[in-house]
Amino acid sequence: MVNDTRKMVLVISVLTVIALVCVYLDLSWISGREGYPLSDVLDTIFGGGTLTSQSIILDTNAPRVLIGIFVGMGLAIAGCAMQAVFRNPLASPYILGLSSGASVGAAVSMLFTIPLIPMGIVTPVLAFITCFLTMVLVYSMSRIGGTVRTESLILSGVAVSSLLSAIVSFLTYIAGDKLEGIVFWSMGNLGNAEWGEIAFIAPVIVVCGVLLVTQAKGLNAMMLGDVHALDLGVDVRKTRLFVLVISTIIVAAAVSFTGVIGFIGLVIPHILRILLGPDNRVIMPLSMFAGASFVLICDYLSRILIPTYGTLPIGVVTALIGAPVFIYLLIRKKKEVGWN
């Protein structure tokens, strides 16, 4: 128990240092030149600084940093919850085809005029709606005799995701001069963040994240199997539906503004389970912290990796880092995934 506590304190300390360093690096970044020193960043944040530093740090970099933090928090805890619900460390927030559903909405919004929705918010609104409707469709397809089994959910998710991906491919093919917008959105991007978007996404992810943490004890029981969970007094059907709905809201809120950013909800909970064990009461809140740190790292790398080509889409960087890490974990840590 003492060793577990020390390990958790160490993990939290490391994550805190990483997060603070990455926040500074992201806030201080200036395209094409050396970033601002820490003293200038702090001075600007607390009301000082020059007009130029205020414009770069507060108006350009700060919204990007904040939306990255909340998106990382949301996708990580949603992935953690999905892994617990499906009793599968390979599950991710997109396992039910949610990313494909959001991509359909985004593609449609870029190609066609949508009545009743203001032009400035049509893409995030439609992406949010189609993402949530995808979960409703998958869950409805999975109902067999009034019950929903995890196997049916996964199979329905794979089928619906394949269909929606085909629709996105078709829309991309006929996009013409709007092709670039669809492709760029599908790669994930934090660069267009605005304060209004943050005002929406922050409370949604924080509130929904807290709601998921309250289900940690029930999810611990469900990881043992539905029968064992029922014996322990967990209403499996209600808990599963509640977690799926809340996770879908988180994913929809995140991807509707930033596009599809992969591997956060897959790799981060998986690593934490290896380090700290399977207890969701510990893993779920720490996933939010670690997910935010991971996104900040990837965001900074996206700016400096290939400066000749500008800032890379963050989804490319998360995949370049997340995929090799996940492959390594699968090869070297097969018996240490924290589930047995």
C-alpha atoms as a PDB file:
ATOM      1  CA  MET A   1       0.000   0.000   0.000  1.00  0.00           C
ATOM      2  CA  VAL A   2       2.848   2.370   0.868  1.00  0.00           C
ATOM      3  CA  ASN A   3       4.590   1.564  -2.399  1.00  0.00           C
ATOM      4  CA  ASP A   4       1.366   2.196  -4.325  1.00  0.00           C
ATOM      5  CA  THR A   5       0.960   5.569  -2.624  1.00  0.00           C
ATOM      6  CA  ARG A   6       4.544   6.535  -3.372  1.00  0.00           C
ATOM      7  CA  LYS A   7       4.147   5.471  -6.977  1.00  0.00           C
ATOM      8  CA  MET A   8       0.959   7.546  -7.316  1.00  0.00           C
ATOM      9  CA  VAL A   9       2.635  10.602  -5.759  1.00  0.00           C
ATOM     10  CA  LEU A  10       5.577  10.172  -8.138  1.00  0.00           C
ATOM     11  CA  VAL A  11       3.281   9.931 -11.165  1.00  0.00           C
ATOM     12  CA  ILE A  12       1.344  13.016 -10.083  1.00  0.00           C
ATOM     13  CA  SER A  13       4.573  14.948  -9.481  1.00  0.00           C
ATOM     14  CA  VAL A  14       5.983  14.027 -12.884  1.00  0.00           C
ATOM     15  CA  LEU A  15       2.727  14.925 -14.632  1.00  0.00           C
ATOM     16  CA  THR A  16       2.624  18.275 -12.824  1.00  0.00           C
ATOM     17  CA  VAL A  17       6.156  19.168 -13.915  1.00  0.00           C
ATOM     18  CA  ILE A  18       5.470  18.096 -17.503  1.00  0.00           C
ATOM     19  CA  ALA A  19       2.218  20.063 -17.613  1.00  0.00           C
ATOM     20  CA  LEU A  20       3.794  23.265 -16.257  1.00  0.00           C
ATOM     21  CA  VAL A  21       6.762  23.068 -18.625  1.00  0.00           C
ATOM     22  CA  CYS A  22       4.515  22.426 -21.621  1.00  0.00           C
ATOM     23  CA  VAL A  23       2.151  25.269 -20.703  1.00  0.00           C
ATOM     24  CA  TYR A  24       5.130  27.633 -20.608  1.00  0.00           C
ATOM     25  CA  LEU A  25       6.563  26.352 -23.901  1.00  0.00           C
ATOM     26  CA  ASP A  26       3.202  26.643 -25.659  1.00  0.00           C
ATOM     27  CA  LEU A  27       2.438  30.102 -24.277  1.00  0.00           C
ATOM     28  CA  SER A  28       5.903  31.466 -25.080  1.00  0.00           C
ATOM     29  CA  TRP A  29       6.075  30.116 -28.618  1.00  0.00           C
ATOM     30  CA  ILE A  30       6.639  32.612 -31.444  1.00  0.00           C
ATOM     31  CA  SER A  31       6.650  31.522 -35.060  1.00  0.00           C
ATOM     32  CA  GLY A  32      10.097  31.771 -36.648  1.00  0.00           C
ATOM     33  CA  ARG A  33      12.013  33.016 -33.604  1.00  0.00           C
ATOM     34  CA  GLU A  34      12.997  32.213 -30.046  1.00  0.00           C
ATOM     35  CA  GLY A  35      10.098  32.181 -27.589  1.00  0.00           C
ATOM     36  CA  TYR A  36       9.441  34.611 -24.764  1.00  0.00           C
ATOM     37  CA  PRO A  37      11.326  34.064 -21.490  1.00  0.00           C
ATOM     38  CA  LEU A  38       9.325  32.928 -18.466  1.00  0.00           C
ATOM     39  CA  SER A  39       9.427  36.386 -16.876  1.00  0.00           C
ATOM     40  CA  ASP A  40       7.783  37.973 -19.935  1.00  0.00           C
ATOM     41  CA  VAL A  41       5.110  35.251 -20.051  1.00  0.00           C
ATOM     42  CA  LEU A  42       4.224  35.747 -16.379  1.00  0.00           C
ATOM     43  CA  ASP A  43       4.287  39.529 -16.739  1.00  0.00           C
ATOM     44  CA  THR A  44       1.900  39.360 -19.684  1.00  0.00           C
ATOM     45  CA  ILE A  45      -0.463  36.937 -17.960  1.00  0.00           C
ATOM     46  CA  PHE A  46      -0.755  39.232 -14.938  1.00  0.00           C
ATOM     47  CA  GLY A  47      -1.618  42.311 -16.979  1.00  0.00           C
ATOM     48  CA  GLY A  48       1.757  43.636 -18.076  1.00  0.00           C
ATOM     49  CA  GLY A  49       3.790  43.051 -21.202  1.00  0.00           C
ATOM     50  CA  THR A  50       3.807  44.819 -24.529  1.00  0.00           C
ATOM     51  CA  LEU A  51       0.962  44.936 -27.017  1.00  0.00           C
ATOM     52  CA  THR A  52       2.819  42.404 -29.130  1.00  0.00           C
ATOM     53  CA  SER A  53       3.331  39.947 -26.266  1.00  0.00           C
ATOM     54  CA  GLN A  54      -0.311  40.318 -25.229  1.00  0.00           C
ATOM     55  CA  SER A  55      -1.441  39.578 -28.770  1.00  0.00           C
ATOM     56  CA  ILE A  56       0.775  36.506 -29.125  1.00  0.00           C
ATOM     57  CA  ILE A  57       0.522  35.048 -25.629  1.00  0.00           C
ATOM     58  CA  LEU A  58      -3.043  35.927 -24.627  1.00  0.00           C
ATOM     59  CA  ASP A  59      -4.894  36.158 -27.916  1.00  0.00           C
ATOM     60  CA  THR A  60      -3.157  33.467 -29.986  1.00  0.00           C
ATOM     61  CA  ASN A  61      -1.388  30.972 -27.736  1.00  0.00           C
ATOM     62  CA  ALA A  62      -3.574  30.934 -24.611  1.00  0.00           C
ATOM     63  CA  PRO A  63      -6.804  29.802 -26.344  1.00  0.00           C
ATOM     64  CA  ARG A  64      -4.862  27.040 -28.068  1.00  0.00           C
ATOM     65  CA  VAL A  65      -3.343  25.882 -24.770  1.00  0.00           C
ATOM     66  CA  LEU A  66      -6.653  25.917 -22.901  1.00  0.00           C
ATOM     67  CA  ILE A  67      -8.666  24.067 -25.511  1.00  0.00           C
ATOM     68  CA  GLY A  68      -5.839  21.525 -25.757  1.00  0.00           C
ATOM     69  CA  ILE A  69      -5.983  20.976 -21.994  1.00  0.00           C
ATOM     70  CA  PHE A  70      -9.727  20.370 -21.971  1.00  0.00           C
ATOM     71  CA  VAL A  71      -9.707  18.193 -25.087  1.00  0.00           C
ATOM     72  CA  GLY A  72      -6.905  16.083 -23.620  1.00  0.00           C
ATOM     73  CA  MET A  73      -8.764  15.748 -20.319  1.00  0.00           C
ATOM     74  CA  GLY A  74     -11.982  14.768 -22.031  1.00  0.00           C
ATOM     75  CA  LEU A  75     -10.633  12.223 -24.502  1.00  0.00           C
ATOM     76  CA  ALA A  76      -8.448  10.559 -21.858  1.00  0.00           C
ATOM     77  CA  ILE A  77     -11.203  10.032 -19.299  1.00  0.00           C
ATOM     78  CA  ALA A  78     -13.655   8.984 -22.005  1.00  0.00           C
ATOM     79  CA  GLY A  79     -11.156   6.385 -23.176  1.00  0.00           C
ATOM     80  CA  CYS A  80     -10.641   5.204 -19.609  1.00  0.00           C
ATOM     81  CA  ALA A  81     -14.386   4.798 -19.153  1.00  0.00           C
ATOM     82  CA  MET A  82     -14.763   2.955 -22.468  1.00  0.00           C
ATOM     83  CA  GLN A  83     -11.980   0.533 -21.552  1.00  0.00           C
ATOM     84  CA  ALA A  84     -13.746  -0.243 -18.287  1.00  0.00           C
ATOM     85  CA  VAL A  85     -17.191  -0.632 -19.872  1.00  0.00           C
ATOM     86  CA  PHE A  86     -15.909  -2.971 -22.581  1.00  0.00           C
ATOM     87  CA  ARG A  87     -13.393  -4.695 -20.285  1.00  0.00           C
ATOM     88  CA  ASN A  88     -10.839  -4.181 -23.031  1.00  0.00           C
ATOM     89  CA  PRO A  89      -7.580  -2.197 -22.749  1.00  0.00           C
ATOM     90  CA  LEU A  90      -7.688  -1.708 -26.527  1.00  0.00           C
ATOM     91  CA  ALA A  91     -10.914   0.296 -26.392  1.00  0.00           C
ATOM     92  CA  SER A  92     -10.827   4.002 -27.207  1.00  0.00           C
ATOM     93  CA  PRO A  93     -13.329   6.895 -27.144  1.00  0.00           C
ATOM     94  CA  TYR A  94     -13.970   6.230 -30.838  1.00  0.00           C
ATOM     95  CA  ILE A  95     -14.774   2.513 -30.491  1.00  0.00           C
ATOM     96  CA  LEU A  96     -18.471   3.070 -31.274  1.00  0.00           C
ATOM     97  CA  GLY A  97     -17.750   4.987 -34.468  1.00  0.00           C
ATOM     98  CA  LEU A  98     -18.085   8.397 -32.813  1.00  0.00           C
ATOM     99  CA  SER A  99     -15.204   9.942 -34.741  1.00  0.00           C
ATOM    100  CA  SER A 100     -16.677   8.752 -38.038  1.00  0.00           C
ATOM    101  CA  GLY A 101     -20.049  10.179 -37.047  1.00  0.00           C
ATOM    102  CA  ALA A 102     -18.536  13.557 -36.223  1.00  0.00           C
ATOM    103  CA  SER A 103     -16.564  13.490 -39.482  1.00  0.00           C
ATOM    104  CA  VAL A 104     -19.770  13.004 -41.473  1.00  0.00           C
ATOM    105  CA  GLY A 105     -21.325  16.063 -39.830  1.00  0.00           C
ATOM    106  CA  ALA A 106     -18.213  18.162 -40.401  1.00  0.00           C
ATOM    107  CA  ALA A 107     -17.946  17.106 -44.046  1.00  0.00           C
ATOM    108  CA  VAL A 108     -21.611  17.817 -44.724  1.00  0.00           C
ATOM    109  CA  SER A 109     -21.318  21.263 -43.129  1.00  0.00           C
ATOM    110  CA  MET A 110     -18.369  22.131 -45.367  1.00  0.00           C
ATOM    111  CA  LEU A 111     -20.031  20.971 -48.566  1.00  0.00           C
ATOM    112  CA  PHE A 112     -23.646  22.074 -48.178  1.00  0.00           C
ATOM    113  CA  THR A 113     -25.566  25.026 -46.843  1.00  0.00           C
ATOM    114  CA  ILE A 114     -27.330  24.081 -43.605  1.00  0.00           C
ATOM    115  CA  PRO A 115     -30.448  26.108 -42.816  1.00  0.00           C
ATOM    116  CA  LEU A 116     -31.241  27.376 -39.297  1.00  0.00           C
ATOM    117  CA  ILE A 117     -27.613  27.046 -38.126  1.00  0.00           C
ATOM    118  CA  PRO A 118     -25.384  30.177 -38.204  1.00  0.00           C
ATOM    119  CA  MET A 119     -22.522  29.805 -40.665  1.00  0.00           C
ATOM    120  CA  GLY A 120     -19.833  30.471 -38.053  1.00  0.00           C
ATOM    121  CA  ILE A 121     -20.781  27.485 -35.889  1.00  0.00           C
ATOM    122  CA  VAL A 122     -22.268  25.101 -38.422  1.00  0.00           C
ATOM    123  CA  THR A 123     -19.314  22.687 -38.442  1.00  0.00           C
ATOM    124  CA  PRO A 124     -19.029  22.140 -34.652  1.00  0.00           C
ATOM    125  CA  VAL A 125     -22.804  22.021 -34.206  1.00  0.00           C
ATOM    126  CA  LEU A 126     -23.352  19.452 -36.945  1.00  0.00           C
ATOM    127  CA  ALA A 127     -20.327  17.402 -35.858  1.00  0.00           C
ATOM    128  CA  PHE A 128     -21.669  17.340 -32.290  1.00  0.00           C
ATOM    129  CA  ILE A 129     -25.146  16.270 -33.435  1.00  0.00           C
ATOM    130  CA  THR A 130     -23.988  13.507 -35.789  1.00  0.00           C
ATOM    131  CA  CYS A 131     -21.493  12.215 -33.206  1.00  0.00           C
ATOM    132  CA  PHE A 132     -24.243  11.847 -30.611  1.00  0.00           C
ATOM    133  CA  LEU A 133     -26.686  10.348 -33.107  1.00  0.00           C
ATOM    134  CA  THR A 134     -24.059   7.745 -33.990  1.00  0.00           C
ATOM    135  CA  MET A 135     -24.003   6.545 -30.389  1.00  0.00           C
ATOM    136  CA  VAL A 136     -27.816   6.390 -30.339  1.00  0.00           C
ATOM    137  CA  LEU A 137     -27.820   4.337 -33.558  1.00  0.00           C
ATOM    138  CA  VAL A 138     -25.140   1.919 -32.322  1.00  0.00           C
ATOM    139  CA  TYR A 139     -26.836   1.440 -28.960  1.00  0.00           C
ATOM    140  CA  SER A 140     -30.222   0.853 -30.607  1.00  0.00           C
ATOM    141  CA  MET A 141     -28.739  -1.724 -32.968  1.00  0.00           C
ATOM    142  CA  SER A 142     -27.158  -3.540 -30.023  1.00  0.00           C
ATOM    143  CA  ARG A 143     -30.366  -4.117 -28.094  1.00  0.00           C
ATOM    144  CA  ILE A 144     -31.328  -7.777 -28.092  1.00  0.00           C
ATOM    145  CA  GLY A 145     -34.414  -8.692 -26.116  1.00  0.00           C
ATOM    146  CA  GLY A 146     -34.191  -5.569 -24.006  1.00  0.00           C
ATOM    147  CA  THR A 147     -30.534  -6.123 -23.080  1.00  0.00           C
ATOM    148  CA  VAL A 148     -27.311  -4.751 -24.517  1.00  0.00           C
ATOM    149  CA  ARG A 149     -24.159  -6.866 -24.528  1.00  0.00           C
ATOM    150  CA  THR A 150     -20.682  -5.421 -24.916  1.00  0.00           C
ATOM    151  CA  GLU A 151     -19.963  -7.752 -27.840  1.00  0.00           C
ATOM    152  CA  SER A 152     -23.011  -6.434 -29.688  1.00  0.00           C
ATOM    153  CA  LEU A 153     -21.981  -2.845 -28.989  1.00  0.00           C
ATOM    154  CA  ILE A 154     -18.503  -3.415 -30.403  1.00  0.00           C
ATOM    155  CA  LEU A 155     -19.756  -5.207 -33.510  1.00  0.00           C
ATOM    156  CA  SER A 156     -22.413  -2.558 -34.122  1.00  0.00           C
ATOM    157  CA  GLY A 157     -19.807   0.152 -33.631  1.00  0.00           C
ATOM    158  CA  VAL A 158     -17.478  -1.446 -36.166  1.00  0.00           C
ATOM    159  CA  ALA A 159     -20.288  -1.801 -38.718  1.00  0.00           C
ATOM    160  CA  VAL A 160     -21.605   1.743 -38.293  1.00  0.00           C
ATOM    161  CA  SER A 161     -18.078   3.175 -38.281  1.00  0.00           C
ATOM    162  CA  SER A 162     -17.292   1.434 -41.569  1.00  0.00           C
ATOM    163  CA  LEU A 163     -20.471   2.772 -43.158  1.00  0.00           C
ATOM    164  CA  LEU A 164     -19.867   6.324 -41.939  1.00  0.00           C
ATOM    165  CA  SER A 165     -16.223   6.201 -43.028  1.00  0.00           C
ATOM    166  CA  ALA A 166     -17.399   5.232 -46.514  1.00  0.00           C
ATOM    167  CA  ILE A 167     -19.771   8.206 -46.515  1.00  0.00           C
ATOM    168  CA  VAL A 168     -16.922  10.519 -45.476  1.00  0.00           C
ATOM    169  CA  SER A 169     -14.751   9.081 -48.241  1.00  0.00           C
ATOM    170  CA  PHE A 170     -17.498   9.736 -50.774  1.00  0.00           C
ATOM    171  CA  LEU A 171     -17.992  13.310 -49.550  1.00  0.00           C
ATOM    172  CA  THR A 172     -14.239  13.854 -49.675  1.00  0.00           C
ATOM    173  CA  TYR A 173     -14.151  12.558 -53.245  1.00  0.00           C
ATOM    174  CA  ILE A 174     -16.812  15.020 -54.430  1.00  0.00           C
ATOM    175  CA  ALA A 175     -15.522  17.920 -52.312  1.00  0.00           C
ATOM    176  CA  GLY A 176     -13.646  19.656 -55.119  1.00  0.00           C
ATOM    177  CA  ASP A 177     -12.057  22.881 -53.892  1.00  0.00           C
ATOM    178  CA  LYS A 178     -13.366  22.166 -50.367  1.00  0.00           C
ATOM    179  CA  LEU A 179     -11.282  19.015 -50.076  1.00  0.00           C
ATOM    180  CA  GLU A 180      -8.558  20.679 -48.018  1.00  0.00           C
ATOM    181  CA  GLY A 181     -10.966  21.727 -45.276  1.00  0.00           C
ATOM    182  CA  ILE A 182     -12.348  18.211 -44.808  1.00  0.00           C
ATOM    183  CA  VAL A 183      -8.920  16.569 -44.782  1.00  0.00           C
ATOM    184  CA  PHE A 184      -7.456  19.151 -42.403  1.00  0.00           C
ATOM    185  CA  TRP A 185     -10.396  18.796 -39.994  1.00  0.00           C
ATOM    186  CA  SER A 186      -9.988  15.016 -39.944  1.00  0.00           C
ATOM    187  CA  MET A 187      -6.354  15.428 -38.824  1.00  0.00           C
ATOM    188  CA  GLY A 188      -7.188  17.468 -35.721  1.00  0.00           C
ATOM    189  CA  ASN A 189      -6.274  21.083 -35.163  1.00  0.00           C
ATOM    190  CA  LEU A 190      -6.023  23.378 -32.130  1.00  0.00           C
ATOM    191  CA  GLY A 191      -4.930  26.473 -34.025  1.00  0.00           C
ATOM    192  CA  ASN A 192      -8.385  27.969 -34.602  1.00  0.00           C
ATOM    193  CA  ALA A 193      -9.447  27.971 -30.948  1.00  0.00           C
ATOM    194  CA  GLU A 194     -11.536  30.908 -29.755  1.00  0.00           C
ATOM    195  CA  TRP A 195     -12.592  31.981 -26.276  1.00  0.00           C
ATOM    196  CA  GLY A 196     -16.251  31.316 -27.071  1.00  0.00           C
ATOM    197  CA  GLU A 197     -15.454  27.708 -27.920  1.00  0.00           C
ATOM    198  CA  ILE A 198     -13.529  27.305 -24.669  1.00  0.00           C
ATOM    199  CA  ALA A 199     -16.446  28.767 -22.707  1.00  0.00           C
ATOM    200  CA  PHE A 200     -18.598  25.945 -24.104  1.00  0.00           C
ATOM    201  CA  ILE A 201     -16.203  23.022 -24.025  1.00  0.00           C
ATOM    202  CA  ALA A 202     -14.655  23.641 -20.584  1.00  0.00           C
ATOM    203  CA  PRO A 203     -17.788  23.249 -18.415  1.00  0.00           C
ATOM    204  CA  VAL A 204     -19.059  20.350 -20.543  1.00  0.00           C
ATOM    205  CA  ILE A 205     -15.867  18.337 -20.130  1.00  0.00           C
ATOM    206  CA  VAL A 206     -15.327  19.223 -16.464  1.00  0.00           C
ATOM    207  CA  VAL A 207     -18.905  18.383 -15.437  1.00  0.00           C
ATOM    208  CA  CYS A 208     -19.058  15.214 -17.534  1.00  0.00           C
ATOM    209  CA  GLY A 209     -15.610  14.181 -16.316  1.00  0.00           C
ATOM    210  CA  VAL A 210     -16.735  14.500 -12.699  1.00  0.00           C
ATOM    211  CA  LEU A 211     -19.858  12.466 -13.496  1.00  0.00           C
ATOM    212  CA  LEU A 212     -17.713   9.689 -14.953  1.00  0.00           C
ATOM    213  CA  VAL A 213     -15.464   9.657 -11.884  1.00  0.00           C
ATOM    214  CA  THR A 214     -18.553   9.099  -9.727  1.00  0.00           C
ATOM    215  CA  GLN A 215     -19.103   5.840 -11.633  1.00  0.00           C
ATOM    216  CA  ALA A 216     -15.585   4.529 -10.938  1.00  0.00           C
ATOM    217  CA  LYS A 217     -16.657   2.076  -8.241  1.00  0.00           C
ATOM    218  CA  GLY A 218     -19.363   0.583 -10.464  1.00  0.00           C
ATOM    219  CA  LEU A 219     -16.937   0.360 -13.372  1.00  0.00           C
ATOM    220  CA  ASN A 220     -14.475  -1.515 -11.150  1.00  0.00           C
ATOM    221  CA  ALA A 221     -17.171  -4.099 -10.557  1.00  0.00           C
ATOM    222  CA  MET A 222     -18.119  -4.269 -14.242  1.00  0.00           C
ATOM    223  CA  MET A 223     -14.500  -5.007 -15.171  1.00  0.00           C
ATOM    224  CA  LEU A 224     -14.988  -8.338 -13.349  1.00  0.00           C
ATOM    225  CA  GLY A 225     -17.916  -9.169 -15.630  1.00  0.00           C
ATOM    226  CA  ASP A 226     -21.606  -8.304 -15.707  1.00  0.00           C
ATOM    227  CA  VAL A 227     -22.605 -11.245 -13.498  1.00  0.00           C
ATOM    228  CA  HIS A 228     -20.138 -10.323 -10.764  1.00  0.00           C
ATOM    229  CA  ALA A 229     -21.174  -6.671 -11.005  1.00  0.00           C
ATOM    230  CA  LEU A 230     -24.824  -7.622 -10.532  1.00  0.00           C
ATOM    231  CA  ASP A 231     -23.883  -9.711  -7.505  1.00  0.00           C
ATOM    232  CA  LEU A 232     -22.167  -6.647  -6.059  1.00  0.00           C
ATOM    233  CA  GLY A 233     -25.314  -4.565  -6.481  1.00  0.00           C
ATOM    234  CA  VAL A 234     -24.387  -2.644  -9.635  1.00  0.00           C
ATOM    235  CA  ASP A 235     -27.187  -1.913 -12.089  1.00  0.00           C
ATOM    236  CA  VAL A 236     -25.117  -2.860 -15.124  1.00  0.00           C
ATOM    237  CA  ARG A 237     -27.595  -1.697 -17.766  1.00  0.00           C
ATOM    238  CA  LYS A 238     -28.098   1.764 -16.278  1.00  0.00           C
ATOM    239  CA  THR A 239     -24.432   2.241 -15.465  1.00  0.00           C
ATOM    240  CA  ARG A 240     -23.333   1.212 -18.959  1.00  0.00           C
ATOM    241  CA  LEU A 241     -25.881   3.486 -20.644  1.00  0.00           C
ATOM    242  CA  PHE A 242     -25.011   6.409 -18.369  1.00  0.00           C
ATOM    243  CA  VAL A 243     -21.276   6.037 -19.000  1.00  0.00           C
ATOM    244  CA  LEU A 244     -21.771   5.703 -22.757  1.00  0.00           C
ATOM    245  CA  VAL A 245     -23.972   8.802 -22.927  1.00  0.00           C
ATOM    246  CA  ILE A 246     -21.631  10.940 -20.820  1.00  0.00           C
ATOM    247  CA  SER A 247     -18.558   9.709 -22.716  1.00  0.00           C
ATOM    248  CA  THR A 248     -20.274  10.480 -26.009  1.00  0.00           C
ATOM    249  CA  ILE A 249     -21.060  14.023 -24.879  1.00  0.00           C
ATOM    250  CA  ILE A 250     -17.400  14.502 -23.963  1.00  0.00           C
ATOM    251  CA  VAL A 251     -16.145  13.142 -27.283  1.00  0.00           C
ATOM    252  CA  ALA A 252     -18.714  15.129 -29.261  1.00  0.00           C
ATOM    253  CA  ALA A 253     -17.769  18.365 -27.480  1.00  0.00           C
ATOM    254  CA  ALA A 254     -14.057  17.731 -28.026  1.00  0.00           C
ATOM    255  CA  VAL A 255     -13.993  16.683 -31.675  1.00  0.00           C
ATOM    256  CA  SER A 256     -16.651  19.150 -32.809  1.00  0.00           C
ATOM    257  CA  PHE A 257     -14.217  22.045 -32.280  1.00  0.00           C
ATOM    258  CA  THR A 258     -10.821  20.444 -32.855  1.00  0.00           C
ATOM    259  CA  GLY A 259     -11.426  17.589 -35.270  1.00  0.00           C
ATOM    260  CA  VAL A 260     -10.392  13.989 -34.696  1.00  0.00           C
ATOM    261  CA  ILE A 261      -7.376  13.604 -32.388  1.00  0.00           C
ATOM    262  CA  GLY A 262      -6.464   9.981 -31.910  1.00  0.00           C
ATOM    263  CA  PHE A 263      -4.584   7.804 -29.410  1.00  0.00           C
ATOM    264  CA  ILE A 264      -5.117  10.026 -26.353  1.00  0.00           C
ATOM    265  CA  GLY A 265      -7.967   7.974 -24.964  1.00  0.00           C
ATOM    266  CA  LEU A 266      -6.277   4.728 -25.970  1.00  0.00           C
ATOM    267  CA  VAL A 267      -2.690   5.127 -24.782  1.00  0.00           C
ATOM    268  CA  ILE A 268      -2.993   7.333 -21.684  1.00  0.00           C
ATOM    269  CA  PRO A 269      -5.357   5.103 -19.622  1.00  0.00           C
ATOM    270  CA  HIS A 270      -3.421   2.032 -20.770  1.00  0.00           C
ATOM    271  CA  ILE A 271      -0.111   3.430 -19.493  1.00  0.00           C
ATOM    272  CA  LEU A 272      -1.649   4.496 -16.181  1.00  0.00           C
ATOM    273  CA  ARG A 273      -3.142   1.036 -15.641  1.00  0.00           C
ATOM    274  CA  ILE A 274       0.316  -0.473 -16.112  1.00  0.00           C
ATOM    275  CA  LEU A 275       1.872   2.000 -13.671  1.00  0.00           C
ATOM    276  CA  LEU A 276      -0.845   2.174 -11.013  1.00  0.00           C
ATOM    277  CA  GLY A 277      -3.099  -0.854 -11.439  1.00  0.00           C
ATOM    278  CA  PRO A 278      -6.735  -1.226 -12.491  1.00  0.00           C
ATOM    279  CA  ASP A 279      -8.585   0.896  -9.872  1.00  0.00           C
ATOM    280  CA  ASN A 280     -10.711   3.384 -11.825  1.00  0.00           C
ATOM    281  CA  ARG A 281     -11.061   5.577  -8.739  1.00  0.00           C
ATOM    282  CA  VAL A 282      -7.371   6.392  -9.241  1.00  0.00           C
ATOM    283  CA  ILE A 283      -6.985   5.978 -12.988  1.00  0.00           C
ATOM    284  CA  MET A 284      -9.933   8.118 -14.131  1.00  0.00           C
ATOM    285  CA  PRO A 285      -8.975  11.442 -12.488  1.00  0.00           C
ATOM    286  CA  LEU A 286      -5.302  10.913 -13.302  1.00  0.00           C
ATOM    287  CA  SER A 287      -6.223  10.200 -16.927  1.00  0.00           C
ATOM    288  CA  MET A 288      -7.599  13.715 -17.221  1.00  0.00           C
ATOM    289  CA  PHE A 289      -4.354  15.154 -15.900  1.00  0.00           C
ATOM    290  CA  ALA A 290      -2.159  12.939 -18.081  1.00  0.00           C
ATOM    291  CA  GLY A 291      -4.304  13.481 -21.181  1.00  0.00           C
ATOM    292  CA  ALA A 292      -3.969  17.247 -20.876  1.00  0.00           C
ATOM    293  CA  SER A 293      -0.185  16.938 -20.479  1.00  0.00           C
ATOM    294  CA  PHE A 294       0.078  14.647 -23.501  1.00  0.00           C
ATOM    295  CA  VAL A 295      -1.860  17.040 -25.718  1.00  0.00           C
ATOM    296  CA  LEU A 296       0.321  19.968 -24.617  1.00  0.00           C
ATOM    297  CA  ILE A 297       3.468  17.998 -25.445  1.00  0.00           C
ATOM    298  CA  CYS A 298       2.114  17.086 -28.874  1.00  0.00           C
ATOM    299  CA  ASP A 299       0.950  20.646 -29.516  1.00  0.00           C
ATOM    300  CA  TYR A 300       4.422  22.037 -28.890  1.00  0.00           C
ATOM    301  CA  LEU A 301       6.027  19.350 -31.035  1.00  0.00           C
ATOM    302  CA  SER A 302       3.545  20.091 -33.823  1.00  0.00           C
ATOM    303  CA  ARG A 303       4.990  23.602 -34.035  1.00  0.00           C
ATOM    304  CA  ILE A 304       8.693  22.738 -34.009  1.00  0.00           C
ATOM    305  CA  LEU A 305       9.020  19.383 -35.797  1.00  0.00           C
ATOM    306  CA  ILE A 306       8.896  20.670 -39.380  1.00  0.00           C
ATOM    307  CA  PRO A 307       8.948  24.489 -39.186  1.00  0.00           C
ATOM    308  CA  THR A 308       9.436  24.716 -42.956  1.00  0.00           C
ATOM    309  CA  TYR A 309       5.896  23.392 -43.442  1.00  0.00           C
ATOM    310  CA  GLY A 310       4.379  25.374 -40.578  1.00  0.00           C
ATOM    311  CA  THR A 311       2.400  23.819 -37.729  1.00  0.00           C
ATOM    312  CA  LEU A 312       1.488  20.163 -38.173  1.00  0.00           C
ATOM    313  CA  PRO A 313      -2.078  19.036 -37.387  1.00  0.00           C
ATOM    314  CA  ILE A 314      -1.953  17.768 -33.821  1.00  0.00           C
ATOM    315  CA  GLY A 315      -3.694  14.524 -34.750  1.00  0.00           C
ATOM    316  CA  VAL A 316      -0.656  13.636 -36.858  1.00  0.00           C
ATOM    317  CA  VAL A 317       1.684  14.149 -33.900  1.00  0.00           C
ATOM    318  CA  THR A 318      -0.466  12.205 -31.423  1.00  0.00           C
ATOM    319  CA  ALA A 319      -0.526   9.299 -33.874  1.00  0.00           C
ATOM    320  CA  LEU A 320       3.230   9.475 -34.521  1.00  0.00           C
ATOM    321  CA  ILE A 321       3.889   9.286 -30.775  1.00  0.00           C
ATOM    322  CA  GLY A 322       0.913   7.240 -29.584  1.00  0.00           C
ATOM    323  CA  ALA A 323       1.086   4.411 -32.113  1.00  0.00           C
ATOM    324  CA  PRO A 324       4.738   3.410 -31.457  1.00  0.00           C
ATOM    325  CA  VAL A 325       4.224   3.713 -27.699  1.00  0.00           C
ATOM    326  CA  PHE A 326       1.161   1.512 -27.867  1.00  0.00           C
ATOM    327  CA  ILE A 327       2.933  -1.057 -30.023  1.00  0.00           C
ATOM    328  CA  TYR A 328       5.793  -1.132 -27.497  1.00  0.00           C
ATOM    329  CA  LEU A 329       3.365  -1.634 -24.628  1.00  0.00           C
ATOM    330  CA  LEU A 330       1.661  -4.495 -26.434  1.00  0.00           C
ATOM    331  CA  ILE A 331       4.941  -6.243 -27.172  1.00  0.00           C
ATOM    332  CA  ARG A 332       6.792  -5.707 -23.884  1.00  0.00           C
ATOM    333  CA  LYS A 333       3.970  -5.477 -21.349  1.00  0.00           C
ATOM    334  CA  LYS A 334       1.527  -8.169 -22.433  1.00  0.00           C
ATOM    335  CA  LYS A 335       1.117  -9.495 -18.897  1.00  0.00           C
ATOM    336  CA  GLU A 336       1.127  -6.109 -17.152  1.00  0.00           C
ATOM    337  CA  VAL A 337      -1.930  -4.331 -18.479  1.00  0.00           C
ATOM    338  CA  GLY A 338      -3.421  -4.006 -15.007  1.00  0.00           C
ATOM    339  CA  TRP A 339      -6.537  -6.079 -15.697  1.00  0.00           C
ATOM    340  CA  ASN A 340      -5.740  -9.420 -14.058  1.00  0.00           C
END
